[in-house]
Amino acid sequence: GKIIQELESQFRGAGWNVIKLVWDRSWDPLLAQDRTGILVNKLNTTPDGQFQTYATETGEYIREHFFGDDPRLRDMVK
């Protein structure tokens, strides 16, 4: 699931204006390379629980399992 979207709908339903900040500046160089939207799509479709796994794994694991299934993503982290 995507807890961020669930929380957004709850707050919007309560009449709040919602601004979502999900990624910090350290992602900017990778996002700047994402001319086709493949990285943004991957980030948006990865389940929250998977990000918890990535937080405990090595860079090698993340490169293999997050970036590794698409050659365009792999090229971003060479």
PDB file of N, CA and C in Angstrom:
ATOM      1  N   GLY A   1       0.812  -1.191   0.000  1.00  0.00           N
ATOM      2  CA  GLY A   1       0.000   0.000   0.000  1.00  0.00           C
ATOM      3  C   GLY A   1       0.855   1.255   0.000  1.00  0.00           C
ATOM      4  N   LYS A   2       0.210   2.347  -0.228  1.00  0.00           N
ATOM      5  CA  LYS A   2       0.866   3.651  -0.245  1.00  0.00           C
ATOM      6  C   LYS A   2       0.267   4.512   0.852  1.00  0.00           C
ATOM      7  N   ILE A   3       0.866   4.467   2.007  1.00  0.00           N
ATOM      8  CA  ILE A   3       0.369   5.192   3.167  1.00  0.00           C
ATOM      9  C   ILE A   3       0.303   6.693   2.912  1.00  0.00           C
ATOM     10  N   ILE A   4       1.207   7.204   2.104  1.00  0.00           N
ATOM     11  CA  ILE A   4       1.221   8.646   1.833  1.00  0.00           C
ATOM     12  C   ILE A   4      -0.087   9.076   1.164  1.00  0.00           C
ATOM     13  N   GLN A   5      -0.547   8.313   0.166  1.00  0.00           N
ATOM     14  CA  GLN A   5      -1.795   8.653  -0.511  1.00  0.00           C
ATOM     15  C   GLN A   5      -2.984   8.505   0.439  1.00  0.00           C
ATOM     16  N   GLU A   6      -2.954   7.476   1.286  1.00  0.00           N
ATOM     17  CA  GLU A   6      -4.046   7.282   2.246  1.00  0.00           C
ATOM     18  C   GLU A   6      -4.127   8.449   3.221  1.00  0.00           C
ATOM     19  N   LEU A   7      -2.980   8.871   3.734  1.00  0.00           N
ATOM     20  CA  LEU A   7      -2.970  10.013   4.653  1.00  0.00           C
ATOM     21  C   LEU A   7      -3.389  11.297   3.945  1.00  0.00           C
ATOM     22  N   GLU A   8      -2.919  11.464   2.709  1.00  0.00           N
ATOM     23  CA  GLU A   8      -3.309  12.652   1.952  1.00  0.00           C
ATOM     24  C   GLU A   8      -4.825  12.734   1.828  1.00  0.00           C
ATOM     25  N   SER A   9      -5.482  11.620   1.454  1.00  0.00           N
ATOM     26  CA  SER A   9      -6.943  11.672   1.310  1.00  0.00           C
ATOM     27  C   SER A   9      -7.644  11.955   2.619  1.00  0.00           C
ATOM     28  N   GLN A  10      -7.109  11.430   3.720  1.00  0.00           N
ATOM     29  CA  GLN A  10      -7.718  11.716   5.025  1.00  0.00           C
ATOM     30  C   GLN A  10      -7.638  13.204   5.355  1.00  0.00           C
ATOM     31  N   PHE A  11      -6.471  13.789   5.165  1.00  0.00           N
ATOM     32  CA  PHE A  11      -6.302  15.207   5.482  1.00  0.00           C
ATOM     33  C   PHE A  11      -7.080  16.103   4.512  1.00  0.00           C
ATOM     34  N   ARG A  12      -7.072  15.758   3.218  1.00  0.00           N
ATOM     35  CA  ARG A  12      -7.855  16.541   2.252  1.00  0.00           C
ATOM     36  C   ARG A  12      -9.342  16.457   2.592  1.00  0.00           C
ATOM     37  N   GLY A  13      -9.789  15.262   2.970  1.00  0.00           N
ATOM     38  CA  GLY A  13     -11.187  15.074   3.356  1.00  0.00           C
ATOM     39  C   GLY A  13     -11.571  15.909   4.567  1.00  0.00           C
ATOM     40  N   ALA A  14     -10.593  16.203   5.407  1.00  0.00           N
ATOM     41  CA  ALA A  14     -10.833  17.030   6.593  1.00  0.00           C
ATOM     42  C   ALA A  14     -10.686  18.518   6.275  1.00  0.00           C
ATOM     43  N   GLY A  15     -10.454  18.840   4.983  1.00  0.00           N
ATOM     44  CA  GLY A  15     -10.373  20.233   4.577  1.00  0.00           C
ATOM     45  C   GLY A  15      -8.987  20.844   4.602  1.00  0.00           C
ATOM     46  N   TRP A  16      -7.977  20.040   4.827  1.00  0.00           N
ATOM     47  CA  TRP A  16      -6.603  20.551   4.859  1.00  0.00           C
ATOM     48  C   TRP A  16      -6.058  20.683   3.436  1.00  0.00           C
ATOM     49  N   ASN A  17      -5.151  21.628   3.243  1.00  0.00           N
ATOM     50  CA  ASN A  17      -4.333  21.673   2.033  1.00  0.00           C
ATOM     51  C   ASN A  17      -3.121  20.797   2.306  1.00  0.00           C
ATOM     52  N   VAL A  18      -2.795  19.920   1.370  1.00  0.00           N
ATOM     53  CA  VAL A  18      -1.735  18.936   1.591  1.00  0.00           C
ATOM     54  C   VAL A  18      -0.581  19.171   0.622  1.00  0.00           C
ATOM     55  N   ILE A  19       0.623  19.236   1.165  1.00  0.00           N
ATOM     56  CA  ILE A  19       1.844  19.285   0.361  1.00  0.00           C
ATOM     57  C   ILE A  19       2.656  18.054   0.740  1.00  0.00           C
ATOM     58  N   LYS A  20       2.974  17.223  -0.255  1.00  0.00           N
ATOM     59  CA  LYS A  20       3.721  15.995   0.014  1.00  0.00           C
ATOM     60  C   LYS A  20       5.196  16.206  -0.312  1.00  0.00           C
ATOM     61  N   LEU A  21       6.046  15.972   0.655  1.00  0.00           N
ATOM     62  CA  LEU A  21       7.497  15.992   0.457  1.00  0.00           C
ATOM     63  C   LEU A  21       8.005  14.597   0.780  1.00  0.00           C
ATOM     64  N   VAL A  22       8.434  13.898  -0.248  1.00  0.00           N
ATOM     65  CA  VAL A  22       8.787  12.496  -0.072  1.00  0.00           C
ATOM     66  C   VAL A  22      10.286  12.250  -0.178  1.00  0.00           C
ATOM     67  N   TRP A  23      10.953  12.938  -1.087  1.00  0.00           N
ATOM     68  CA  TRP A  23      12.369  12.687  -1.339  1.00  0.00           C
ATOM     69  C   TRP A  23      13.171  13.928  -0.999  1.00  0.00           C
ATOM     70  N   ASP A  24      14.362  13.717  -0.427  1.00  0.00           N
ATOM     71  CA  ASP A  24      15.212  14.865  -0.108  1.00  0.00           C
ATOM     72  C   ASP A  24      16.148  15.180  -1.277  1.00  0.00           C
ATOM     73  N   ARG A  25      16.990  16.180  -1.095  1.00  0.00           N
ATOM     74  CA  ARG A  25      17.870  16.653  -2.174  1.00  0.00           C
ATOM     75  C   ARG A  25      18.866  15.621  -2.675  1.00  0.00           C
ATOM     76  N   SER A  26      19.165  14.635  -1.871  1.00  0.00           N
ATOM     77  CA  SER A  26      20.152  13.646  -2.316  1.00  0.00           C
ATOM     78  C   SER A  26      19.660  12.880  -3.549  1.00  0.00           C
ATOM     79  N   TRP A  27      18.364  12.901  -3.814  1.00  0.00           N
ATOM     80  CA  TRP A  27      17.814  12.249  -5.004  1.00  0.00           C
ATOM     81  C   TRP A  27      17.892  13.135  -6.245  1.00  0.00           C
ATOM     82  N   ASP A  28      18.156  14.426  -6.089  1.00  0.00           N
ATOM     83  CA  ASP A  28      18.120  15.366  -7.214  1.00  0.00           C
ATOM     84  C   ASP A  28      18.986  14.950  -8.402  1.00  0.00           C
ATOM     85  N   PRO A  29      20.241  14.517  -8.189  1.00  0.00           N
ATOM     86  CA  PRO A  29      21.053  14.121  -9.350  1.00  0.00           C
ATOM     87  C   PRO A  29      20.438  12.953 -10.136  1.00  0.00           C
ATOM     88  N   LEU A  30      19.888  11.965  -9.431  1.00  0.00           N
ATOM     89  CA  LEU A  30      19.258  10.845 -10.135  1.00  0.00           C
ATOM     90  C   LEU A  30      17.979  11.288 -10.838  1.00  0.00           C
ATOM     91  N   LEU A  31      17.174  12.084 -10.152  1.00  0.00           N
ATOM     92  CA  LEU A  31      15.928  12.550 -10.764  1.00  0.00           C
ATOM     93  C   LEU A  31      16.202  13.432 -11.980  1.00  0.00           C
ATOM     94  N   ALA A  32      17.302  14.168 -11.964  1.00  0.00           N
ATOM     95  CA  ALA A  32      17.667  15.003 -13.114  1.00  0.00           C
ATOM     96  C   ALA A  32      17.996  14.150 -14.339  1.00  0.00           C
ATOM     97  N   GLN A  33      18.487  12.935 -14.119  1.00  0.00           N
ATOM     98  CA  GLN A  33      18.802  12.023 -15.228  1.00  0.00           C
ATOM     99  C   GLN A  33      17.553  11.365 -15.807  1.00  0.00           C
ATOM    100  N   ASP A  34      16.455  11.418 -15.077  1.00  0.00           N
ATOM    101  CA  ASP A  34      15.234  10.688 -15.426  1.00  0.00           C
ATOM    102  C   ASP A  34      14.418  11.442 -16.472  1.00  0.00           C
ATOM    103  N   ARG A  35      14.873  11.412 -17.701  1.00  0.00           N
ATOM    104  CA  ARG A  35      14.219  12.154 -18.784  1.00  0.00           C
ATOM    105  C   ARG A  35      12.902  11.513 -19.234  1.00  0.00           C
ATOM    106  N   THR A  36      12.735  10.211 -18.992  1.00  0.00           N
ATOM    107  CA  THR A  36      11.540   9.498 -19.469  1.00  0.00           C
ATOM    108  C   THR A  36      10.518   9.231 -18.370  1.00  0.00           C
ATOM    109  N   GLY A  37      10.880   9.474 -17.123  1.00  0.00           N
ATOM    110  CA  GLY A  37       9.959   9.217 -16.016  1.00  0.00           C
ATOM    111  C   GLY A  37      10.043   7.811 -15.451  1.00  0.00           C
ATOM    112  N   ILE A  38      11.003   7.012 -15.929  1.00  0.00           N
ATOM    113  CA  ILE A  38      11.120   5.622 -15.468  1.00  0.00           C
ATOM    114  C   ILE A  38      11.434   5.541 -13.971  1.00  0.00           C
ATOM    115  N   LEU A  39      12.308   6.408 -13.483  1.00  0.00           N
ATOM    116  CA  LEU A  39      12.654   6.394 -12.058  1.00  0.00           C
ATOM    117  C   LEU A  39      11.473   6.857 -11.214  1.00  0.00           C
ATOM    118  N   VAL A  40      10.823   7.924 -11.619  1.00  0.00           N
ATOM    119  CA  VAL A  40       9.654   8.416 -10.874  1.00  0.00           C
ATOM    120  C   VAL A  40       8.575   7.345 -10.833  1.00  0.00           C
ATOM    121  N   ASN A  41       8.345   6.669 -11.955  1.00  0.00           N
ATOM    122  CA  ASN A  41       7.357   5.590 -11.984  1.00  0.00           C
ATOM    123  C   ASN A  41       7.747   4.464 -11.031  1.00  0.00           C
ATOM    124  N   LYS A  42       9.016   4.089 -11.042  1.00  0.00           N
ATOM    125  CA  LYS A  42       9.490   3.019 -10.155  1.00  0.00           C
ATOM    126  C   LYS A  42       9.298   3.422  -8.694  1.00  0.00           C
ATOM    127  N   LEU A  43       9.628   4.662  -8.360  1.00  0.00           N
ATOM    128  CA  LEU A  43       9.449   5.148  -6.989  1.00  0.00           C
ATOM    129  C   LEU A  43       7.976   5.152  -6.596  1.00  0.00           C
ATOM    130  N   ASN A  44       7.116   5.546  -7.511  1.00  0.00           N
ATOM    131  CA  ASN A  44       5.684   5.637  -7.213  1.00  0.00           C
ATOM    132  C   ASN A  44       4.994   4.288  -7.123  1.00  0.00           C
ATOM    133  N   THR A  45       5.551   3.276  -7.776  1.00  0.00           N
ATOM    134  CA  THR A  45       4.889   1.968  -7.787  1.00  0.00           C
ATOM    135  C   THR A  45       5.517   0.957  -6.830  1.00  0.00           C
ATOM    136  N   THR A  46       6.604   1.321  -6.192  1.00  0.00           N
ATOM    137  CA  THR A  46       7.231   0.426  -5.215  1.00  0.00           C
ATOM    138  C   THR A  46       6.455   0.505  -3.902  1.00  0.00           C
ATOM    139  N   PRO A  47       6.016  -0.636  -3.369  1.00  0.00           N
ATOM    140  CA  PRO A  47       5.259  -0.624  -2.109  1.00  0.00           C
ATOM    141  C   PRO A  47       6.084  -0.072  -0.945  1.00  0.00           C
ATOM    142  N   ASP A  48       5.401   0.574  -0.018  1.00  0.00           N
ATOM    143  CA  ASP A  48       6.069   1.144   1.155  1.00  0.00           C
ATOM    144  C   ASP A  48       6.920   0.110   1.887  1.00  0.00           C
ATOM    145  N   GLY A  49       6.403  -1.094   2.027  1.00  0.00           N
ATOM    146  CA  GLY A  49       7.134  -2.141   2.741  1.00  0.00           C
ATOM    147  C   GLY A  49       8.461  -2.481   2.089  1.00  0.00           C
ATOM    148  N   GLN A  50       8.515  -2.373   0.770  1.00  0.00           N
ATOM    149  CA  GLN A  50       9.769  -2.653   0.073  1.00  0.00           C
ATOM    150  C   GLN A  50      10.818  -1.601   0.400  1.00  0.00           C
ATOM    151  N   PHE A  51      10.394  -0.344   0.550  1.00  0.00           N
ATOM    152  CA  PHE A  51      11.339   0.710   0.934  1.00  0.00           C
ATOM    153  C   PHE A  51      11.911   0.443   2.324  1.00  0.00           C
ATOM    154  N   GLN A  52      11.118  -0.161   3.195  1.00  0.00           N
ATOM    155  CA  GLN A  52      11.625  -0.518   4.523  1.00  0.00           C
ATOM    156  C   GLN A  52      12.724  -1.561   4.395  1.00  0.00           C
ATOM    157  N   THR A  53      12.553  -2.499   3.481  1.00  0.00           N
ATOM    158  CA  THR A  53      13.597  -3.494   3.225  1.00  0.00           C
ATOM    159  C   THR A  53      14.851  -2.813   2.689  1.00  0.00           C
ATOM    160  N   TYR A  54      14.693  -1.923   1.715  1.00  0.00           N
ATOM    161  CA  TYR A  54      15.850  -1.226   1.145  1.00  0.00           C
ATOM    162  C   TYR A  54      16.611  -0.444   2.215  1.00  0.00           C
ATOM    163  N   ALA A  55      15.897   0.102   3.186  1.00  0.00           N
ATOM    164  CA  ALA A  55      16.539   0.903   4.241  1.00  0.00           C
ATOM    165  C   ALA A  55      17.495   0.074   5.085  1.00  0.00           C
ATOM    166  N   THR A  56      17.318  -1.235   5.093  1.00  0.00           N
ATOM    167  CA  THR A  56      18.176  -2.094   5.915  1.00  0.00           C
ATOM    168  C   THR A  56      19.209  -2.858   5.093  1.00  0.00           C
ATOM    169  N   GLU A  57      19.185  -2.676   3.782  1.00  0.00           N
ATOM    170  CA  GLU A  57      20.070  -3.442   2.906  1.00  0.00           C
ATOM    171  C   GLU A  57      21.246  -2.605   2.408  1.00  0.00           C
ATOM    172  N   THR A  58      22.157  -3.274   1.740  1.00  0.00           N
ATOM    173  CA  THR A  58      23.358  -2.633   1.198  1.00  0.00           C
ATOM    174  C   THR A  58      23.048  -1.934  -0.128  1.00  0.00           C
ATOM    175  N   GLY A  59      23.960  -1.070  -0.536  1.00  0.00           N
ATOM    176  CA  GLY A  59      23.840  -0.426  -1.837  1.00  0.00           C
ATOM    177  C   GLY A  59      23.801  -1.436  -2.966  1.00  0.00           C
ATOM    178  N   GLU A  60      24.594  -2.487  -2.835  1.00  0.00           N
ATOM    179  CA  GLU A  60      24.611  -3.536  -3.854  1.00  0.00           C
ATOM    180  C   GLU A  60      23.229  -4.178  -3.994  1.00  0.00           C
ATOM    181  N   TYR A  61      22.595  -4.478  -2.872  1.00  0.00           N
ATOM    182  CA  TYR A  61      21.256  -5.072  -2.882  1.00  0.00           C
ATOM    183  C   TYR A  61      20.259  -4.129  -3.572  1.00  0.00           C
ATOM    184  N   ILE A  62      20.327  -2.850  -3.232  1.00  0.00           N
ATOM    185  CA  ILE A  62      19.401  -1.869  -3.811  1.00  0.00           C
ATOM    186  C   ILE A  62      19.635  -1.734  -5.311  1.00  0.00           C
ATOM    187  N   ARG A  63      20.902  -1.675  -5.726  1.00  0.00           N
ATOM    188  CA  ARG A  63      21.198  -1.600  -7.162  1.00  0.00           C
ATOM    189  C   ARG A  63      20.645  -2.820  -7.889  1.00  0.00           C
ATOM    190  N   GLU A  64      20.775  -3.991  -7.277  1.00  0.00           N
ATOM    191  CA  GLU A  64      20.306  -5.218  -7.917  1.00  0.00           C
ATOM    192  C   GLU A  64      18.783  -5.310  -7.934  1.00  0.00           C
ATOM    193  N   HIS A  65      18.134  -5.016  -6.805  1.00  0.00           N
ATOM    194  CA  HIS A  65      16.699  -5.263  -6.686  1.00  0.00           C
ATOM    195  C   HIS A  65      15.805  -4.076  -7.045  1.00  0.00           C
ATOM    196  N   PHE A  66      16.262  -2.864  -6.820  1.00  0.00           N
ATOM    197  CA  PHE A  66      15.443  -1.706  -7.183  1.00  0.00           C
ATOM    198  C   PHE A  66      15.762  -1.244  -8.603  1.00  0.00           C
ATOM    199  N   PHE A  67      17.040  -1.044  -8.887  1.00  0.00           N
ATOM    200  CA  PHE A  67      17.454  -0.528 -10.187  1.00  0.00           C
ATOM    201  C   PHE A  67      17.689  -1.628 -11.210  1.00  0.00           C
ATOM    202  N   GLY A  68      17.922  -2.853 -10.756  1.00  0.00           N
ATOM    203  CA  GLY A  68      18.408  -3.918 -11.618  1.00  0.00           C
ATOM    204  C   GLY A  68      17.444  -4.493 -12.616  1.00  0.00           C
ATOM    205  N   ASP A  69      16.130  -4.270 -12.445  1.00  0.00           N
ATOM    206  CA  ASP A  69      15.189  -4.924 -13.355  1.00  0.00           C
ATOM    207  C   ASP A  69      14.966  -4.165 -14.667  1.00  0.00           C
ATOM    208  N   ASP A  70      15.592  -3.025 -14.810  1.00  0.00           N
ATOM    209  CA  ASP A  70      15.441  -2.246 -16.048  1.00  0.00           C
ATOM    210  C   ASP A  70      16.799  -1.655 -16.421  1.00  0.00           C
ATOM    211  N   PRO A  71      17.265  -1.891 -17.642  1.00  0.00           N
ATOM    212  CA  PRO A  71      18.590  -1.395 -18.029  1.00  0.00           C
ATOM    213  C   PRO A  71      18.710   0.127 -17.949  1.00  0.00           C
ATOM    214  N   ARG A  72      17.615   0.852 -18.169  1.00  0.00           N
ATOM    215  CA  ARG A  72      17.664   2.322 -18.076  1.00  0.00           C
ATOM    216  C   ARG A  72      17.900   2.761 -16.635  1.00  0.00           C
ATOM    217  N   LEU A  73      17.307   2.050 -15.685  1.00  0.00           N
ATOM    218  CA  LEU A  73      17.538   2.359 -14.269  1.00  0.00           C
ATOM    219  C   LEU A  73      18.959   1.978 -13.864  1.00  0.00           C
ATOM    220  N   ARG A  74      19.410   0.807 -14.320  1.00  0.00           N
ATOM    221  CA  ARG A  74      20.778   0.360 -13.999  1.00  0.00           C
ATOM    222  C   ARG A  74      21.803   1.378 -14.467  1.00  0.00           C
ATOM    223  N   ASP A  75      21.591   1.944 -15.646  1.00  0.00           N
ATOM    224  CA  ASP A  75      22.534   2.929 -16.185  1.00  0.00           C
ATOM    225  C   ASP A  75      22.643   4.163 -15.295  1.00  0.00           C
ATOM    226  N   MET A  76      21.594   4.485 -14.568  1.00  0.00           N
ATOM    227  CA  MET A  76      21.610   5.669 -13.694  1.00  0.00           C
ATOM    228  C   MET A  76      22.544   5.509 -12.503  1.00  0.00           C
ATOM    229  N   VAL A  77      22.803   4.265 -12.104  1.00  0.00           N
ATOM    230  CA  VAL A  77      23.595   4.036 -10.887  1.00  0.00           C
ATOM    231  C   VAL A  77      24.890   3.291 -11.156  1.00  0.00           C
ATOM    232  N   LYS A  78      25.400   3.392 -12.367  1.00  0.00           N
ATOM    233  CA  LYS A  78      26.681   2.748 -12.698  1.00  0.00           C
ATOM    234  C   LYS A  78      27.813   3.456 -12.013  1.00  0.00           C
TER     235      LYS A  78
END
